[in-house]
């Protein structure tokens, strides 16, 4: 897994309305629901899998869109992009 895969996941998370900070040297993302700042999750790349800070495996490399849906569900994201209504 590389930084490109991580950026793909970050892009899909943003499409779900989440704020995302990518920490590429560590292959780690911090995703947060902008409407509920306490709802956040750290996502790390472990071998070819994405894992949350609580050890919940959300998927594998190549399934970034599906992984983003799972994280959005965990963080109660509405899918509305930042800064605007649908």
N, C-alpha and C. Protein backbone atom coordinates (compact mmCIF):
# COMPACT_ATOMS: atom_id res chain seq x y z
N UNK A 1 0.85 -1.17 0.00
CA UNK A 1 0.00 0.00 0.00
C UNK A 1 0.90 1.23 0.00
N UNK A 2 0.43 2.28 -0.70
CA UNK A 2 1.23 3.49 -0.77
C UNK A 2 0.37 4.73 -0.55
N UNK A 3 1.00 5.90 -0.65
CA UNK A 3 0.30 7.16 -0.39
C UNK A 3 -0.82 7.40 -1.40
N UNK A 4 -0.70 6.89 -2.62
CA UNK A 4 -1.75 7.07 -3.63
C UNK A 4 -3.03 6.37 -3.19
N UNK A 5 -2.91 5.17 -2.65
CA UNK A 5 -4.08 4.44 -2.15
C UNK A 5 -4.73 5.21 -1.01
N UNK A 6 -3.90 5.75 -0.14
CA UNK A 6 -4.40 6.52 0.99
C UNK A 6 -5.13 7.77 0.52
N UNK A 7 -4.61 8.42 -0.51
CA UNK A 7 -5.26 9.61 -1.06
C UNK A 7 -6.60 9.26 -1.72
N UNK A 8 -6.68 8.09 -2.34
CA UNK A 8 -7.96 7.64 -2.91
C UNK A 8 -9.00 7.50 -1.80
N UNK A 9 -8.61 6.87 -0.71
CA UNK A 9 -9.52 6.71 0.42
C UNK A 9 -9.91 8.08 0.97
N UNK A 10 -8.95 8.97 1.12
CA UNK A 10 -9.23 10.32 1.63
C UNK A 10 -10.23 11.04 0.72
N UNK A 11 -10.09 10.91 -0.58
CA UNK A 11 -11.02 11.53 -1.51
C UNK A 11 -12.43 11.01 -1.35
N UNK A 12 -12.57 9.71 -1.21
CA UNK A 12 -13.90 9.12 -1.01
C UNK A 12 -14.50 9.55 0.33
N UNK A 13 -13.67 9.66 1.36
CA UNK A 13 -14.17 10.13 2.65
C UNK A 13 -14.68 11.56 2.53
N UNK A 14 -13.97 12.40 1.80
CA UNK A 14 -14.41 13.79 1.60
C UNK A 14 -15.73 13.85 0.84
N UNK A 15 -15.93 12.93 -0.10
CA UNK A 15 -17.20 12.87 -0.84
C UNK A 15 -18.37 12.59 0.10
N UNK A 16 -18.09 11.96 1.23
CA UNK A 16 -19.12 11.67 2.23
C UNK A 16 -19.28 12.82 3.22
N UNK A 17 -18.57 13.92 2.97
CA UNK A 17 -18.72 15.10 3.82
C UNK A 17 -17.80 15.13 5.03
N UNK A 18 -16.85 14.22 5.09
CA UNK A 18 -15.93 14.19 6.23
C UNK A 18 -14.73 15.10 5.99
N UNK A 19 -14.20 15.66 7.06
CA UNK A 19 -12.93 16.38 6.98
C UNK A 19 -11.83 15.34 7.15
N UNK A 20 -10.79 15.45 6.33
CA UNK A 20 -9.74 14.43 6.35
C UNK A 20 -8.37 15.09 6.33
N UNK A 21 -7.50 14.60 7.19
CA UNK A 21 -6.09 14.99 7.19
C UNK A 21 -5.29 13.73 6.92
N UNK A 22 -4.45 13.78 5.90
CA UNK A 22 -3.62 12.63 5.55
C UNK A 22 -2.21 12.82 6.10
N UNK A 23 -1.73 11.82 6.78
CA UNK A 23 -0.36 11.80 7.29
C UNK A 23 0.36 10.69 6.52
N UNK A 24 0.89 11.06 5.36
CA UNK A 24 1.39 10.07 4.41
C UNK A 24 2.61 9.27 4.86
N UNK A 25 3.59 9.88 5.53
CA UNK A 25 4.72 9.01 5.90
C UNK A 25 4.29 7.84 6.77
N UNK A 26 3.25 8.05 7.61
CA UNK A 26 2.77 6.99 8.48
C UNK A 26 1.66 6.17 7.84
N UNK A 27 1.24 6.55 6.61
CA UNK A 27 0.09 5.92 5.96
C UNK A 27 -1.09 5.90 6.92
N UNK A 28 -1.48 7.11 7.36
CA UNK A 28 -2.55 7.27 8.35
C UNK A 28 -3.44 8.44 7.94
N UNK A 29 -4.74 8.29 8.21
CA UNK A 29 -5.71 9.36 7.97
C UNK A 29 -6.42 9.68 9.28
N UNK A 30 -6.79 10.94 9.42
CA UNK A 30 -7.67 11.35 10.51
C UNK A 30 -8.93 11.88 9.85
N UNK A 31 -10.05 11.21 10.07
CA UNK A 31 -11.33 11.61 9.48
C UNK A 31 -12.25 12.09 10.60
N UNK A 32 -12.97 13.20 10.32
CA UNK A 32 -13.83 13.78 11.34
C UNK A 32 -15.13 14.26 10.71
N UNK A 33 -16.22 14.06 11.43
CA UNK A 33 -17.51 14.59 11.03
C UNK A 33 -17.50 16.08 11.37
N UNK A 34 -17.59 16.99 10.39
CA UNK A 34 -17.48 18.42 10.67
C UNK A 34 -18.65 18.96 11.49
N UNK A 35 -19.75 18.25 11.54
CA UNK A 35 -20.91 18.69 12.32
C UNK A 35 -20.84 18.22 13.76
N UNK A 36 -20.01 17.23 14.02
CA UNK A 36 -19.87 16.64 15.35
C UNK A 36 -18.39 16.35 15.58
N UNK A 37 -17.65 17.35 16.01
CA UNK A 37 -16.21 17.25 16.13
C UNK A 37 -15.69 16.11 16.97
N UNK A 38 -16.50 15.59 17.88
CA UNK A 38 -16.06 14.46 18.69
C UNK A 38 -16.13 13.14 17.93
N UNK A 39 -16.84 13.14 16.81
CA UNK A 39 -16.92 11.93 16.00
C UNK A 39 -15.76 11.95 15.01
N UNK A 40 -14.72 11.22 15.35
CA UNK A 40 -13.55 11.15 14.48
C UNK A 40 -12.95 9.76 14.56
N UNK A 41 -12.11 9.48 13.61
CA UNK A 41 -11.49 8.16 13.55
C UNK A 41 -10.12 8.27 12.90
N UNK A 42 -9.18 7.54 13.43
CA UNK A 42 -7.87 7.38 12.82
C UNK A 42 -7.91 6.10 12.00
N UNK A 43 -7.39 6.17 10.78
CA UNK A 43 -7.37 5.02 9.90
C UNK A 43 -5.93 4.80 9.49
N UNK A 44 -5.44 3.60 9.69
CA UNK A 44 -4.06 3.28 9.34
C UNK A 44 -4.04 2.17 8.30
N UNK A 45 -2.96 2.15 7.54
CA UNK A 45 -2.75 1.09 6.58
C UNK A 45 -1.85 0.04 7.22
N UNK A 46 -2.38 -1.18 7.30
CA UNK A 46 -1.62 -2.31 7.85
C UNK A 46 -1.53 -3.35 6.75
N UNK A 47 -0.35 -3.50 6.22
CA UNK A 47 -0.12 -4.36 5.06
C UNK A 47 -1.05 -3.88 3.93
N UNK A 48 -2.02 -4.66 3.53
CA UNK A 48 -2.92 -4.27 2.43
C UNK A 48 -4.33 -3.99 2.92
N UNK A 49 -4.45 -3.66 4.22
CA UNK A 49 -5.77 -3.44 4.82
C UNK A 49 -5.82 -2.10 5.54
N UNK A 50 -7.04 -1.54 5.59
CA UNK A 50 -7.30 -0.32 6.35
C UNK A 50 -7.93 -0.72 7.68
N UNK A 51 -7.39 -0.15 8.76
CA UNK A 51 -7.84 -0.51 10.10
C UNK A 51 -8.05 0.78 10.90
N UNK A 52 -9.13 0.82 11.70
CA UNK A 52 -9.39 1.98 12.54
C UNK A 52 -8.54 1.92 13.80
N UNK A 53 -8.54 3.02 14.53
CA UNK A 53 -7.74 3.08 15.76
C UNK A 53 -8.22 2.09 16.81
N UNK A 54 -9.46 1.61 16.68
CA UNK A 54 -9.98 0.62 17.61
C UNK A 54 -9.75 -0.81 17.12
N UNK A 55 -9.00 -0.95 16.03
CA UNK A 55 -8.69 -2.27 15.52
C UNK A 55 -9.76 -2.87 14.63
N UNK A 56 -10.75 -2.06 14.22
CA UNK A 56 -11.82 -2.53 13.35
C UNK A 56 -11.33 -2.47 11.91
N UNK A 57 -11.29 -3.60 11.25
CA UNK A 57 -10.85 -3.65 9.86
C UNK A 57 -11.98 -3.17 8.95
N UNK A 58 -11.72 -2.14 8.16
CA UNK A 58 -12.77 -1.58 7.31
C UNK A 58 -12.66 -2.01 5.86
N UNK A 59 -11.58 -2.68 5.48
CA UNK A 59 -11.46 -3.15 4.12
C UNK A 59 -10.02 -3.23 3.66
N UNK A 60 -9.87 -3.52 2.39
CA UNK A 60 -8.52 -3.72 1.86
C UNK A 60 -8.24 -2.80 0.69
N UNK A 61 -6.99 -2.76 0.34
CA UNK A 61 -6.52 -1.96 -0.78
C UNK A 61 -7.33 -2.32 -2.03
N UNK A 62 -7.73 -1.29 -2.77
CA UNK A 62 -8.52 -1.50 -3.97
C UNK A 62 -10.01 -1.33 -3.74
N UNK A 63 -10.44 -1.32 -2.48
CA UNK A 63 -11.85 -1.16 -2.14
C UNK A 63 -12.06 0.13 -1.35
N UNK A 64 -11.37 1.20 -1.76
CA UNK A 64 -11.40 2.45 -1.01
C UNK A 64 -12.79 3.06 -0.92
N UNK A 65 -13.58 2.98 -1.98
CA UNK A 65 -14.93 3.55 -1.95
C UNK A 65 -15.80 2.84 -0.91
N UNK A 66 -15.73 1.53 -0.88
CA UNK A 66 -16.47 0.74 0.10
C UNK A 66 -15.99 1.04 1.52
N UNK A 67 -14.68 1.16 1.69
CA UNK A 67 -14.11 1.50 3.01
C UNK A 67 -14.61 2.86 3.47
N UNK A 68 -14.67 3.82 2.56
CA UNK A 68 -15.13 5.17 2.91
C UNK A 68 -16.58 5.13 3.37
N UNK A 69 -17.42 4.32 2.73
CA UNK A 69 -18.82 4.20 3.15
C UNK A 69 -18.90 3.66 4.58
N UNK A 70 -18.05 2.71 4.90
CA UNK A 70 -18.06 2.14 6.25
C UNK A 70 -17.65 3.18 7.29
N UNK A 71 -16.61 3.94 6.99
CA UNK A 71 -16.15 4.97 7.93
C UNK A 71 -17.22 6.06 8.07
N UNK A 72 -17.82 6.46 6.95
CA UNK A 72 -18.88 7.48 7.00
C UNK A 72 -20.03 7.00 7.88
N UNK A 73 -20.36 5.73 7.78
CA UNK A 73 -21.41 5.17 8.63
C UNK A 73 -21.00 5.23 10.10
N UNK A 74 -19.77 4.86 10.40
CA UNK A 74 -19.27 4.91 11.77
C UNK A 74 -19.32 6.31 12.34
N UNK A 75 -19.06 7.30 11.49
CA UNK A 75 -19.00 8.70 11.95
C UNK A 75 -20.31 9.45 11.70
N UNK A 76 -21.35 8.74 11.35
CA UNK A 76 -22.67 9.33 11.14
C UNK A 76 -22.63 10.48 10.15
N UNK A 77 -21.85 10.32 9.10
CA UNK A 77 -21.76 11.36 8.06
C UNK A 77 -22.98 11.30 7.16
N UNK A 78 -23.42 12.46 6.74
CA UNK A 78 -24.64 12.56 5.94
C UNK A 78 -24.38 12.46 4.44
N UNK A 79 -23.15 12.62 4.04
CA UNK A 79 -22.85 12.63 2.61
C UNK A 79 -22.97 14.00 2.00
N UNK A 80 -23.30 15.02 2.79
CA UNK A 80 -23.38 16.38 2.29
C UNK A 80 -21.99 16.98 2.33
N UNK A 81 -21.46 17.44 1.21
CA UNK A 81 -20.13 18.01 1.19
C UNK A 81 -20.02 19.22 2.12
N UNK A 82 -18.82 19.47 2.60
CA UNK A 82 -18.57 20.60 3.47
C UNK A 82 -18.98 21.90 2.79
N UNK A 83 -19.51 22.80 3.58
CA UNK A 83 -19.78 24.15 3.09
C UNK A 83 -21.04 24.31 2.29
N UNK A 84 -21.92 23.33 2.26
CA UNK A 84 -23.12 23.55 1.48
C UNK A 84 -24.15 22.46 1.63
N UNK A 85 -25.33 22.78 1.24
CA UNK A 85 -26.43 21.82 1.24
C UNK A 85 -26.52 21.19 -0.12
N UNK A 86 -27.22 20.06 -0.23
CA UNK A 86 -27.35 19.39 -1.52
C UNK A 86 -28.11 20.21 -2.53
